[in-house]
Amino acid sequence: MSREIPSGDSIVQGRNLDRGFDETFDAIVVGSGAGGSPVAAYLAEAGWRVLILEEGPYYRPEEYGSFRASEILRRMWREAGMFAAFGVGNTPVIGLAAGRCVGGSSVLTGGVCFRIPGVVHDEWVRERGLTELSEGAFEQVYQEVERRVHVDEVPADMRAWPTRRLVAGAESLGIRMRPTRRNTVGCEGNARCNFGCPAQAKQSVDVTFLPSALEHGARLVSDALVQRVLIENGRAVGVQGRLLDPSTGKTSHKFVARAPIVVAACGTLHTPLLLMRSGLGRTSDALGSNVTLHPAVRMSAQFDEPLDGFSGSLQAVYSDHFASEGITIVGLHSPPNVLAAALPGIGAAHREIVRKMRGLSAMGGMVHDRGGGRVRPGPGREPILWYRMSPRDLQRLRRTITILGEIAFAAGARALYPPVFGVRSIQSVGELRRLEHEPIDARRIECIAFHPLGSARMSVSASEGVVSPTGETHEVQGLFVADGSVLPTSIGVNSQVPVMSMATRIGWIIRDRFKPRSLPARSRLARLLDNARWHLPI
């Protein structure tokens, strides 16, 4: 009985397969997001036979672009957008947005594209000895990524009216706002980038890197849960897992994929779990530790006149004015049904605020955190993430709320709806400033995050991290990690381009160091099976 992946389309939806498979490739990439897709593209373009395995479902851009925001949450966000980091000590519970689909979180970002700040590169070189990660060494990588995903500044005419008001308010306080750089082509200003671009304008990896990989012969299987990496004599030789029914979450047929190069690109939350299940984590306690999140808050402000913030770029501006305090300010907006859920009040009180939503604006801010998170296996497939916020970062988070409110009042806001449970509204700057210094339990702060990093960090020595500067794990040869988990520290900026750039660098290293012709030879029997296009039953 044949045990190969069905031929035909380069993307196979595992939910539709009536059996498993057992096949051999030059490289296997686990995960199709901002880390996995670039690696797959560079290897496939170099002539490698690449298999991409993705746990999440596959939707074409025109499909998910037609979904309601609530559908996107249910179908494509991990845990339907309800995943959270549990606060330890005086720490908020932090809602954590992550994608679970072909293209990963790249499909669901706001599209903001920053390079890693030079001071962070300098820290990695100076304090951690990672000379390969200098800013100069990354210049070519950044240029390549920005070219492929079409990074450009958001023009001023794409700013929604609330954004323009808030920019004016900020600048009246001496706070300079700058145009954001985003990966878009033909943006229509639908302001729902986090929920699937209806214009197919956002250049996420599923419409940039991934198509190139597939055009050059890579195969992708969605609904494919990789459960462990196969290791023989200290070297990765493949992976095994089971196909998923996305409607029920239940596993079905077993599959095995074999290759001398395995790249884990499951993200900061799931890469540690895969490596732990595969027996890694014995040489240090770094695996699953040192997680940073960029904790963030959102401030909603009520204006008397209609502003209609739902027309324009979702995140058109930002400010690094408070960078010395570890705070970045960003303009933002959300679809009405999502924004309404974040407003205070119950019943009639909530409806009264929602009726005035046309006059609502929003702005966010995030903190460059020290990192106090730990990822560990949970009772099901999802991990448990604990996070202990440092007193310094908590103070910065509360300071961020004050800054956002001051900007909104300077812009002419009549009232604020702060991200503090139990505080319905704020009517004055004095009230706002008092709130910052009140002894509020941190668990009352409504906190969110979008950039988990660091759970398999890069290091010079095995005692300090999980992967070497090449991206290969210290413990297992041929097993690489190429996602946000390898970043050594918090970076203080949106992580889309940094993750793509780190993955690009690692993909180039694999491509140049392990030419397909120099890969370990497969057995004569395996070659015969490949030639016969027949595989042993699982």
Protein backbone atom coordinates (compact mmCIF):
# COMPACT_ATOMS: atom_id res chain seq x y z
CA MET A 1 0.00 0.00 0.00
CA SER A 2 1.33 3.42 -0.93
CA ARG A 3 2.49 5.57 1.97
CA GLU A 4 3.59 8.69 0.14
CA ILE A 5 1.95 12.09 0.34
CA PRO A 6 -0.64 12.33 -2.44
CA SER A 7 0.71 14.00 -5.54
CA GLY A 8 -0.94 16.96 -7.18
CA ASP A 9 -1.26 20.19 -5.25
CA SER A 10 1.82 21.35 -3.37
CA ILE A 11 -0.38 21.98 -0.31
CA VAL A 12 -2.08 18.93 1.17
CA GLN A 13 -4.72 19.36 3.86
CA GLY A 14 -4.10 16.60 6.35
CA ARG A 15 -7.73 16.58 7.42
CA ASN A 16 -8.61 15.10 4.01
CA LEU A 17 -6.10 12.23 4.10
CA ASP A 18 -7.45 8.76 4.80
CA ARG A 19 -4.05 7.40 5.81
CA GLY A 20 -0.67 8.47 7.08
CA PHE A 21 2.58 8.64 5.15
CA ASP A 22 6.25 7.79 5.45
CA GLU A 23 8.57 9.74 3.15
CA THR A 24 12.15 10.96 2.94
CA PHE A 25 13.28 14.52 2.21
CA ASP A 26 16.41 16.65 2.30
CA ALA A 27 14.96 18.86 5.04
CA ILE A 28 11.85 19.00 7.20
CA VAL A 29 10.55 22.32 8.50
CA VAL A 30 8.07 22.15 11.38
CA GLY A 31 5.96 25.29 11.26
CA SER A 32 5.02 27.62 8.39
CA GLY A 33 5.13 31.02 10.07
CA ALA A 34 7.63 33.87 10.09
CA GLY A 35 10.42 31.42 10.96
CA GLY A 36 9.58 28.30 8.98
CA SER A 37 8.52 29.78 5.65
CA PRO A 38 11.75 31.73 5.01
CA VAL A 39 13.91 28.69 5.80
CA ALA A 40 11.78 26.50 3.53
CA ALA A 41 11.96 29.06 0.73
CA TYR A 42 15.74 29.41 0.75
CA LEU A 43 16.32 25.66 0.87
CA ALA A 44 13.78 24.88 -1.85
CA GLU A 45 15.15 27.63 -4.07
CA ALA A 46 18.57 25.96 -3.73
CA GLY A 47 17.18 22.66 -5.00
CA TRP A 48 16.48 20.91 -1.72
CA ARG A 49 13.52 18.56 -1.35
CA VAL A 50 11.66 20.23 1.51
CA LEU A 51 8.62 19.18 3.52
CA ILE A 52 6.77 21.76 5.63
CA LEU A 53 4.52 20.42 8.38
CA GLU A 54 1.96 22.75 9.93
CA GLU A 55 -0.29 21.92 12.86
CA GLY A 56 -2.87 24.55 11.93
CA PRO A 57 -5.38 24.58 9.07
CA TYR A 58 -4.87 26.05 5.62
CA TYR A 59 -7.02 28.86 4.28
CA ARG A 60 -6.35 30.74 1.06
CA PRO A 61 -5.91 34.53 1.46
CA GLU A 62 -9.20 35.17 -0.30
CA GLU A 63 -10.89 32.78 2.13
CA TYR A 64 -9.67 34.23 5.40
CA GLY A 65 -10.04 37.75 3.98
CA SER A 66 -13.78 37.13 3.78
CA PHE A 67 -14.13 35.85 7.36
CA ARG A 68 -15.64 38.00 10.08
CA ALA A 69 -13.19 39.01 12.81
CA SER A 70 -14.88 36.59 15.20
CA GLU A 71 -14.42 33.78 12.65
CA ILE A 72 -10.73 34.58 12.37
CA LEU A 73 -10.39 34.34 16.14
CA ARG A 74 -12.14 30.99 16.23
CA ARG A 75 -10.46 29.42 13.22
CA MET A 76 -6.95 30.87 13.06
CA TRP A 77 -5.89 32.21 16.47
CA ARG A 78 -4.42 29.81 18.98
CA GLU A 79 -7.04 28.94 21.58
CA ALA A 80 -9.47 31.22 19.71
CA GLY A 81 -7.55 34.23 21.03
CA MET A 82 -7.97 33.13 24.66
CA PHE A 83 -4.41 31.93 25.35
CA ALA A 84 -2.84 33.75 28.29
CA ALA A 85 0.34 33.94 30.34
CA PHE A 86 -0.44 33.37 34.00
CA GLY A 87 0.96 36.13 36.16
CA VAL A 88 3.22 35.10 39.04
CA GLY A 89 3.39 37.46 42.00
CA ASN A 90 2.42 41.07 41.34
CA THR A 91 1.90 40.47 37.61
CA PRO A 92 -1.16 40.88 35.36
CA VAL A 93 -2.63 37.97 33.49
CA ILE A 94 -1.40 38.66 29.96
CA GLY A 95 -3.54 37.75 26.97
CA LEU A 96 -1.22 36.43 24.29
CA ALA A 97 -2.11 36.58 20.60
CA ALA A 98 -0.66 33.80 18.44
CA GLY A 99 -1.63 32.27 15.12
CA ARG A 100 -2.46 28.64 14.47
CA CYS A 101 -2.71 28.34 10.70
CA VAL A 102 -0.59 28.10 7.58
CA GLY A 103 1.45 31.30 7.72
CA GLY A 104 1.29 31.40 11.51
CA SER A 105 1.16 34.67 13.41
CA SER A 106 2.48 36.46 10.31
CA VAL A 107 -1.06 36.28 8.90
CA LEU A 108 -2.45 37.94 12.02
CA THR A 109 0.03 40.71 12.81
CA GLY A 110 -0.66 44.40 12.39
CA GLY A 111 2.03 44.37 9.70
CA VAL A 112 4.50 46.55 11.60
CA CYS A 113 8.10 46.01 10.46
CA PHE A 114 11.01 47.16 12.63
CA ARG A 115 14.62 46.10 12.60
CA ILE A 116 16.20 45.06 15.88
CA PRO A 117 17.58 48.26 17.48
CA GLY A 118 21.35 48.70 17.25
CA VAL A 119 21.65 48.86 21.06
CA VAL A 120 20.18 45.36 21.28
CA HIS A 121 22.61 44.00 18.68
CA ASP A 122 25.43 45.63 20.65
CA GLU A 123 24.22 43.98 23.86
CA TRP A 124 24.22 40.56 22.22
CA VAL A 125 27.78 41.05 21.02
CA ARG A 126 29.18 42.77 24.11
CA GLU A 127 27.44 40.89 26.92
CA ARG A 128 26.75 37.50 25.35
CA GLY A 129 29.68 37.05 22.99
CA LEU A 130 27.43 36.56 19.97
CA THR A 131 29.66 38.38 17.51
CA GLU A 132 27.75 36.87 14.58
CA LEU A 133 24.67 38.86 15.63
CA SER A 134 26.10 42.35 15.22
CA GLU A 135 24.03 44.99 13.49
CA GLY A 136 26.47 45.10 10.58
CA ALA A 137 26.29 41.33 10.12
CA PHE A 138 22.49 41.58 9.80
CA GLU A 139 22.39 44.40 7.25
CA GLN A 140 22.23 42.12 4.21
CA VAL A 141 19.66 39.91 5.92
CA TYR A 142 17.42 42.88 6.75
CA GLN A 143 17.61 44.17 3.20
CA GLU A 144 16.66 40.76 1.80
CA VAL A 145 13.66 40.33 4.11
CA GLU A 146 12.40 43.88 3.59
CA ARG A 147 12.64 43.37 -0.18
CA ARG A 148 10.73 40.10 -0.15
CA VAL A 149 7.89 41.26 2.07
CA HIS A 150 7.72 44.80 0.59
CA VAL A 151 8.40 46.95 3.68
CA ASP A 152 7.59 50.63 3.24
CA GLU A 153 6.45 53.62 5.27
CA VAL A 154 2.74 54.16 5.79
CA PRO A 155 1.83 57.37 3.93
CA ALA A 156 0.17 60.15 5.90
CA ASP A 157 -3.03 59.88 3.88
CA MET A 158 -3.52 56.35 5.23
CA ARG A 159 -3.90 57.63 8.78
CA ALA A 160 -7.43 57.28 10.15
CA TRP A 161 -8.97 60.41 11.67
CA PRO A 162 -8.49 59.25 15.28
CA THR A 163 -4.82 58.65 14.50
CA ARG A 164 -4.47 62.16 13.12
CA ARG A 165 -6.07 63.61 16.23
CA LEU A 166 -3.79 61.63 18.51
CA VAL A 167 -0.71 62.63 16.51
CA ALA A 168 -1.67 66.26 16.94
CA GLY A 169 -2.19 65.72 20.66
CA ALA A 170 1.18 64.00 21.05
CA GLU A 171 3.06 66.66 19.14
CA SER A 172 1.42 69.41 21.25
CA LEU A 173 3.13 67.70 24.21
CA GLY A 174 6.48 67.55 22.39
CA ILE A 175 6.13 63.84 21.66
CA ARG A 176 7.20 63.13 18.12
CA MET A 177 5.16 60.52 16.22
CA ARG A 178 6.75 58.78 13.24
CA PRO A 179 5.27 56.88 10.30
CA THR A 180 5.26 53.14 10.82
CA ARG A 181 6.90 50.81 8.33
CA ARG A 182 4.68 47.93 7.25
CA ASN A 183 4.69 45.02 4.79
CA THR A 184 1.83 45.92 2.47
CA VAL A 185 1.13 46.36 -1.22
CA GLY A 186 -2.07 48.17 -2.20
CA CYS A 187 -3.37 48.69 1.35
CA GLU A 188 -6.99 49.90 1.28
CA GLY A 189 -7.11 50.98 4.93
CA ASN A 190 -9.58 48.37 6.16
CA ALA A 191 -8.08 48.50 9.69
CA ARG A 192 -8.35 44.78 10.36
CA CYS A 193 -4.82 43.51 9.74
CA ASN A 194 -4.91 41.33 12.86
CA PHE A 195 -7.94 39.54 11.49
CA GLY A 196 -6.97 38.65 7.92
CA CYS A 197 -6.55 41.33 5.26
CA PRO A 198 -9.69 41.43 3.06
CA ALA A 199 -7.74 43.18 0.29
CA GLN A 200 -4.91 40.60 0.36
CA ALA A 201 -2.58 43.57 0.69
CA LYS A 202 -0.58 42.48 3.72
CA GLN A 203 2.54 40.65 2.59
CA SER A 204 2.57 37.92 5.23
CA VAL A 205 4.73 34.86 4.67
CA ASP A 206 1.85 32.85 3.21
CA VAL A 207 1.81 35.20 0.20
CA THR A 208 5.57 35.88 -0.06
CA PHE A 209 8.07 33.30 1.19
CA LEU A 210 5.76 30.29 1.16
CA PRO A 211 4.65 30.53 -2.49
CA SER A 212 8.29 30.69 -3.56
CA ALA A 213 9.06 27.55 -1.54
CA LEU A 214 6.15 25.71 -3.14
CA GLU A 215 7.00 26.92 -6.65
CA HIS A 216 10.47 25.44 -6.17
CA GLY A 217 9.16 22.01 -5.21
CA ALA A 218 8.53 22.15 -1.48
CA ARG A 219 5.49 20.29 -0.15
CA LEU A 220 3.28 21.45 2.71
CA VAL A 221 0.96 19.33 4.82
CA SER A 222 -1.45 21.24 7.07
CA ASP A 223 -3.32 19.74 10.04
CA ALA A 224 -0.11 17.82 10.81
CA LEU A 225 0.88 17.74 14.48
CA VAL A 226 4.57 16.84 14.90
CA GLN A 227 4.94 15.07 18.25
CA ARG A 228 8.66 14.44 18.40
CA VAL A 229 11.93 14.63 16.51
CA LEU A 230 13.50 11.29 15.64
CA ILE A 231 17.11 11.13 16.86
CA GLU A 232 19.71 8.46 16.20
CA ASN A 233 23.26 8.53 17.58
CA GLY A 234 22.95 12.16 18.59
CA ARG A 235 21.67 13.32 15.22
CA ALA A 236 18.20 14.29 13.97
CA VAL A 237 16.89 11.88 11.31
CA GLY A 238 13.26 12.97 10.96
CA VAL A 239 10.00 13.55 12.79
CA GLN A 240 6.85 11.68 13.61
CA GLY A 241 3.36 12.82 14.46
CA ARG A 242 -0.32 12.50 13.72
CA LEU A 243 -2.80 14.19 11.44
CA LEU A 244 -5.52 16.34 13.00
CA ASP A 245 -9.21 16.88 12.50
CA PRO A 246 -9.41 20.67 13.00
CA SER A 247 -13.14 20.57 13.75
CA THR A 248 -12.70 18.26 16.74
CA GLY A 249 -9.01 18.61 17.59
CA LYS A 250 -8.67 14.83 17.64
CA THR A 251 -5.65 13.10 16.14
CA SER A 252 -5.95 10.43 13.49
CA HIS A 253 -3.36 8.80 11.21
CA LYS A 254 0.29 8.54 12.15
CA PHE A 255 2.94 9.94 9.82
CA VAL A 256 6.72 9.78 9.66
CA ALA A 257 8.98 12.10 7.67
CA ARG A 258 12.70 11.46 7.44
CA ALA A 259 15.53 13.89 6.68
CA PRO A 260 19.06 14.61 7.87
CA ILE A 261 18.07 18.24 8.57
CA VAL A 262 15.11 19.10 10.82
CA VAL A 263 14.15 22.72 11.50
CA ALA A 264 11.85 23.43 14.43
CA ALA A 265 9.92 26.65 13.77
CA CYS A 266 6.92 26.18 16.04
CA GLY A 267 7.36 29.51 17.83
CA THR A 268 8.30 30.46 21.36
CA LEU A 269 5.32 28.62 22.84
CA HIS A 270 5.58 25.26 21.09
CA THR A 271 9.20 24.78 20.01
CA PRO A 272 10.26 24.07 23.64
CA LEU A 273 7.52 21.44 23.97
CA LEU A 274 8.64 19.66 20.81
CA LEU A 275 12.27 19.69 21.93
CA MET A 276 11.35 18.50 25.43
CA ARG A 277 9.29 15.60 24.05
CA SER A 278 12.30 14.71 21.91
CA GLY A 279 14.60 14.42 24.92
CA LEU A 280 16.37 17.79 24.83
CA GLY A 281 16.87 20.10 27.79
CA ARG A 282 19.35 18.10 29.82
CA THR A 283 22.43 20.32 29.46
CA SER A 284 20.90 23.51 30.91
CA ASP A 285 17.65 24.93 32.26
CA ALA A 286 17.37 27.40 29.34
CA LEU A 287 14.86 25.35 27.33
CA GLY A 288 11.44 26.86 27.97
CA SER A 289 12.84 29.65 30.14
CA ASN A 290 13.78 33.33 29.64
CA VAL A 291 10.54 34.15 27.80
CA THR A 292 9.96 37.82 27.01
CA LEU A 293 6.60 39.17 25.86
CA HIS A 294 6.62 42.97 25.39
CA PRO A 295 3.64 43.47 27.75
CA ALA A 296 1.27 46.03 26.29
CA VAL A 297 -1.83 48.05 27.15
CA ARG A 298 -4.46 49.79 25.08
CA MET A 299 -6.19 53.06 25.95
CA SER A 300 -9.58 53.93 24.48
CA ALA A 301 -10.63 57.58 24.39
CA GLN A 302 -14.06 59.10 23.79
CA PHE A 303 -14.43 62.23 21.64
CA ASP A 304 -17.57 64.28 21.20
CA GLU A 305 -17.53 64.21 17.40
CA PRO A 306 -17.54 61.13 15.11
CA LEU A 307 -14.03 60.06 14.11
CA ASP A 308 -14.78 56.75 12.33
CA GLY A 309 -11.48 55.08 13.09
CA PHE A 310 -12.34 52.01 11.07
CA SER A 311 -11.06 53.52 7.83
CA GLY A 312 -7.30 53.75 7.53
CA SER A 313 -4.15 51.83 8.30
CA LEU A 314 -4.47 49.81 11.51
CA GLN A 315 -1.07 50.93 12.83
CA ALA A 316 0.07 54.00 10.92
CA VAL A 317 2.26 55.74 13.50
CA TYR A 318 4.52 55.06 16.45
CA SER A 319 6.79 56.96 18.82
CA ASP A 320 10.17 56.06 20.26
CA HIS A 321 10.16 59.26 22.34
CA PHE A 322 10.17 57.17 25.53
CA ALA A 323 12.70 54.59 24.36
CA SER A 324 15.02 55.47 27.25
CA GLU A 325 12.23 54.31 29.56
CA GLY A 326 11.74 51.12 27.58
CA ILE A 327 8.35 52.24 26.23
CA THR A 328 7.10 52.33 22.62
CA ILE A 329 3.84 54.07 21.71
CA VAL A 330 1.82 52.81 18.74
CA GLY A 331 -1.31 53.99 16.98
CA LEU A 332 -3.91 51.27 16.48
CA HIS A 333 -7.56 50.45 15.99
CA SER A 334 -9.64 47.28 15.93
CA PRO A 335 -12.80 46.02 14.22
CA PRO A 336 -15.94 47.27 16.02
CA ASN A 337 -16.95 43.89 17.48
CA VAL A 338 -13.47 43.35 18.94
CA LEU A 339 -13.11 46.90 20.23
CA ALA A 340 -16.56 46.75 21.83
CA ALA A 341 -15.56 43.72 23.88
CA ALA A 342 -12.76 45.75 25.50
CA LEU A 343 -15.03 48.58 26.65
CA PRO A 344 -16.24 48.79 30.26
CA GLY A 345 -19.72 48.36 31.65
CA ILE A 346 -22.38 45.67 31.74
CA GLY A 347 -25.76 45.61 30.05
CA ALA A 348 -27.25 49.06 29.50
CA ALA A 349 -24.07 50.80 30.69
CA HIS A 350 -22.01 48.94 28.09
CA ARG A 351 -24.54 49.59 25.33
CA GLU A 352 -24.43 53.30 26.08
CA ILE A 353 -20.66 53.38 25.43
CA VAL A 354 -20.93 51.20 22.33
CA ARG A 355 -23.51 53.58 20.82
CA LYS A 356 -20.82 56.27 20.86
CA MET A 357 -18.19 54.12 19.20
CA ARG A 358 -17.94 56.34 16.13
CA GLY A 359 -16.27 58.89 18.40
CA LEU A 360 -13.85 56.40 19.87
CA SER A 361 -10.10 56.33 19.32
CA ALA A 362 -7.44 53.96 20.59
CA MET A 363 -3.71 53.96 21.11
CA GLY A 364 -1.37 51.36 22.57
CA GLY A 365 2.00 51.09 24.21
CA MET A 366 4.38 48.25 24.99
CA VAL A 367 7.26 47.69 27.36
CA HIS A 368 10.75 46.43 26.55
CA ASP A 369 10.71 43.80 29.29
CA ARG A 370 13.48 41.93 31.04
CA GLY A 371 11.71 38.60 30.63
CA GLY A 372 10.42 36.36 33.36
CA GLY A 373 8.47 33.72 31.50
CA ARG A 374 8.63 29.93 31.55
CA VAL A 375 6.95 27.53 29.10
CA ARG A 376 6.11 24.04 30.32
CA PRO A 377 3.87 21.24 29.01
CA GLY A 378 0.21 21.59 29.92
CA PRO A 379 -2.49 18.96 30.39
CA GLY A 380 -3.35 19.06 26.67
CA ARG A 381 -1.51 20.18 23.53
CA GLU A 382 -1.18 23.79 24.67
CA PRO A 383 1.66 24.82 26.99
CA ILE A 384 1.36 26.55 30.32
CA LEU A 385 3.16 29.89 30.31
CA TRP A 386 4.07 31.54 33.62
CA TYR A 387 5.34 35.09 33.63
CA ARG A 388 6.75 37.11 36.51
CA MET A 389 6.93 40.82 35.69
CA SER A 390 9.79 42.72 37.28
CA PRO A 391 8.89 45.72 39.48
CA ARG A 392 10.67 47.94 36.95
CA ASP A 393 8.53 46.66 34.07
CA LEU A 394 5.31 46.95 36.07
CA GLN A 395 6.14 50.58 36.81
CA ARG A 396 6.80 51.14 33.11
CA LEU A 397 3.50 49.53 32.19
CA ARG A 398 1.62 51.85 34.52
CA ARG A 399 3.61 54.78 33.19
CA THR A 400 2.53 53.78 29.68
CA ILE A 401 -1.13 54.10 30.68
CA THR A 402 -0.50 57.63 31.88
CA ILE A 403 1.35 58.61 28.69
CA LEU A 404 -1.45 57.29 26.48
CA GLY A 405 -4.06 59.13 28.51
CA GLU A 406 -2.15 62.42 28.43
CA ILE A 407 -1.88 62.19 24.65
CA ALA A 408 -5.61 61.52 24.33
CA PHE A 409 -6.59 64.44 26.56
CA ALA A 410 -4.20 66.70 24.63
CA ALA A 411 -5.98 65.59 21.45
CA GLY A 412 -9.33 66.71 22.86
CA ALA A 413 -10.73 63.51 24.38
CA ARG A 414 -13.70 64.00 26.73
CA ALA A 415 -13.17 60.76 28.68
CA LEU A 416 -10.83 57.79 28.84
CA TYR A 417 -11.56 54.10 29.29
CA PRO A 418 -8.34 52.89 30.94
CA PRO A 419 -7.17 49.27 30.86
CA VAL A 420 -7.76 48.82 34.59
CA PHE A 421 -10.61 46.58 35.71
CA GLY A 422 -12.91 48.40 38.10
CA VAL A 423 -12.13 51.88 36.72
CA ARG A 424 -14.96 52.69 34.33
CA SER A 425 -13.72 56.04 33.03
CA ILE A 426 -11.34 58.92 33.70
CA GLN A 427 -12.38 62.51 33.18
CA SER A 428 -9.20 64.55 33.79
CA VAL A 429 -5.41 64.50 33.59
CA GLY A 430 -5.19 64.85 37.37
CA GLU A 431 -7.32 61.76 37.87
CA LEU A 432 -5.20 59.91 35.33
CA ARG A 433 -1.93 60.77 37.07
CA ARG A 434 -3.29 59.76 40.47
CA LEU A 435 -4.25 56.39 39.04
CA GLU A 436 -0.62 55.68 38.11
CA HIS A 437 0.47 55.88 41.74
CA GLU A 438 -2.49 54.25 43.46
CA PRO A 439 -1.74 50.85 45.08
CA ILE A 440 -3.59 48.85 42.45
CA ASP A 441 -3.25 45.07 42.34
CA ALA A 442 -1.42 44.35 39.06
CA ARG A 443 -3.97 41.67 38.25
CA ARG A 444 -6.49 44.47 37.63
CA ILE A 445 -4.49 45.74 34.64
CA GLU A 446 -5.80 44.51 31.30
CA CYS A 447 -2.57 43.46 29.62
CA ILE A 448 -1.91 41.91 26.23
CA ALA A 449 1.15 40.77 24.31
CA PHE A 450 1.98 39.80 20.74
CA HIS A 451 5.72 39.05 20.69
CA PRO A 452 6.74 36.01 22.76
CA LEU A 453 10.48 35.41 22.38
CA GLY A 454 13.42 33.60 23.92
CA SER A 455 12.35 30.13 25.08
CA ALA A 456 15.19 28.39 23.17
CA ARG A 457 17.67 31.22 23.15
CA MET A 458 20.86 31.38 21.16
CA SER A 459 24.12 31.19 23.10
CA VAL A 460 27.81 30.55 22.67
CA SER A 461 27.82 27.72 25.24
CA ALA A 462 25.41 24.87 25.91
CA SER A 463 25.16 25.86 29.57
CA GLU A 464 23.61 29.24 28.72
CA GLY A 465 21.20 28.46 25.93
CA VAL A 466 19.62 25.96 23.57
CA VAL A 467 21.04 26.68 20.10
CA SER A 468 24.45 27.77 18.85
CA PRO A 469 24.95 30.93 16.75
CA THR A 470 24.24 28.82 13.65
CA GLY A 471 20.77 27.92 14.94
CA GLU A 472 21.73 24.26 15.47
CA THR A 473 20.87 22.86 18.88
CA HIS A 474 23.80 22.32 21.24
CA GLU A 475 22.55 18.82 22.07
CA VAL A 476 21.56 17.29 18.71
CA GLN A 477 23.30 17.62 15.36
CA GLY A 478 21.16 18.37 12.33
CA LEU A 479 18.37 19.81 14.50
CA PHE A 480 17.95 23.56 14.03
CA VAL A 481 15.57 26.12 15.52
CA ALA A 482 14.49 29.11 13.43
CA ASP A 483 11.78 31.16 15.12
CA GLY A 484 11.35 33.80 17.81
CA SER A 485 12.38 31.37 20.53
CA VAL A 486 16.09 31.75 19.62
CA LEU A 487 16.29 35.52 20.15
CA PRO A 488 18.61 35.96 23.15
CA THR A 489 16.74 38.84 24.83
CA SER A 490 13.74 41.11 24.52
CA ILE A 491 14.13 43.47 21.56
CA GLY A 492 11.62 46.22 22.37
CA VAL A 493 10.06 46.35 18.88
CA ASN A 494 7.54 44.35 16.88
CA SER A 495 9.11 40.99 16.16
CA GLN A 496 7.92 40.15 12.62
CA VAL A 497 11.00 41.32 10.68
CA PRO A 498 13.45 40.24 13.44
CA VAL A 499 12.08 36.68 13.36
CA MET A 500 12.07 36.54 9.55
CA SER A 501 15.62 37.93 9.52
CA MET A 502 16.95 35.45 12.07
CA ALA A 503 15.29 32.62 10.15
CA THR A 504 16.74 33.92 6.88
CA ARG A 505 20.21 33.94 8.41
CA ILE A 506 19.79 30.38 9.70
CA GLY A 507 18.33 29.24 6.38
CA TRP A 508 21.36 30.63 4.56
CA ILE A 509 23.70 28.84 6.97
CA ILE A 510 21.97 25.49 6.41
CA ARG A 511 21.84 26.00 2.65
CA ASP A 512 25.52 26.91 2.38
CA ARG A 513 26.90 24.45 4.91
CA PHE A 514 24.92 21.37 3.93
CA LYS A 515 24.65 21.12 0.18
CA PRO A 516 22.17 18.36 -0.75
CA ARG A 517 24.95 16.40 -2.41
CA SER A 518 26.98 16.43 0.83
CA LEU A 519 24.14 15.31 3.07
CA PRO A 520 24.58 11.91 4.76
CA ALA A 521 23.82 9.21 2.22
CA ARG A 522 20.61 7.28 2.67
CA SER A 523 20.63 3.52 2.66
CA ARG A 524 20.43 1.63 -0.62
CA LEU A 525 17.02 0.31 0.41
CA ALA A 526 15.74 3.86 1.08
CA ARG A 527 16.94 4.98 -2.35
CA LEU A 528 15.23 2.03 -3.98
CA LEU A 529 12.01 2.83 -2.15
CA ASP A 530 12.20 6.45 -3.29
CA ASN A 531 12.78 5.39 -6.88
CA ALA A 532 9.89 2.96 -6.72
CA ARG A 533 7.68 5.65 -5.12
CA TRP A 534 6.51 3.05 -2.59
CA HIS A 535 6.81 3.21 1.17
CA LEU A 536 6.45 0.71 3.97
CA PRO A 537 3.13 0.89 5.86
CA ILE A 538 3.17 2.68 9.20
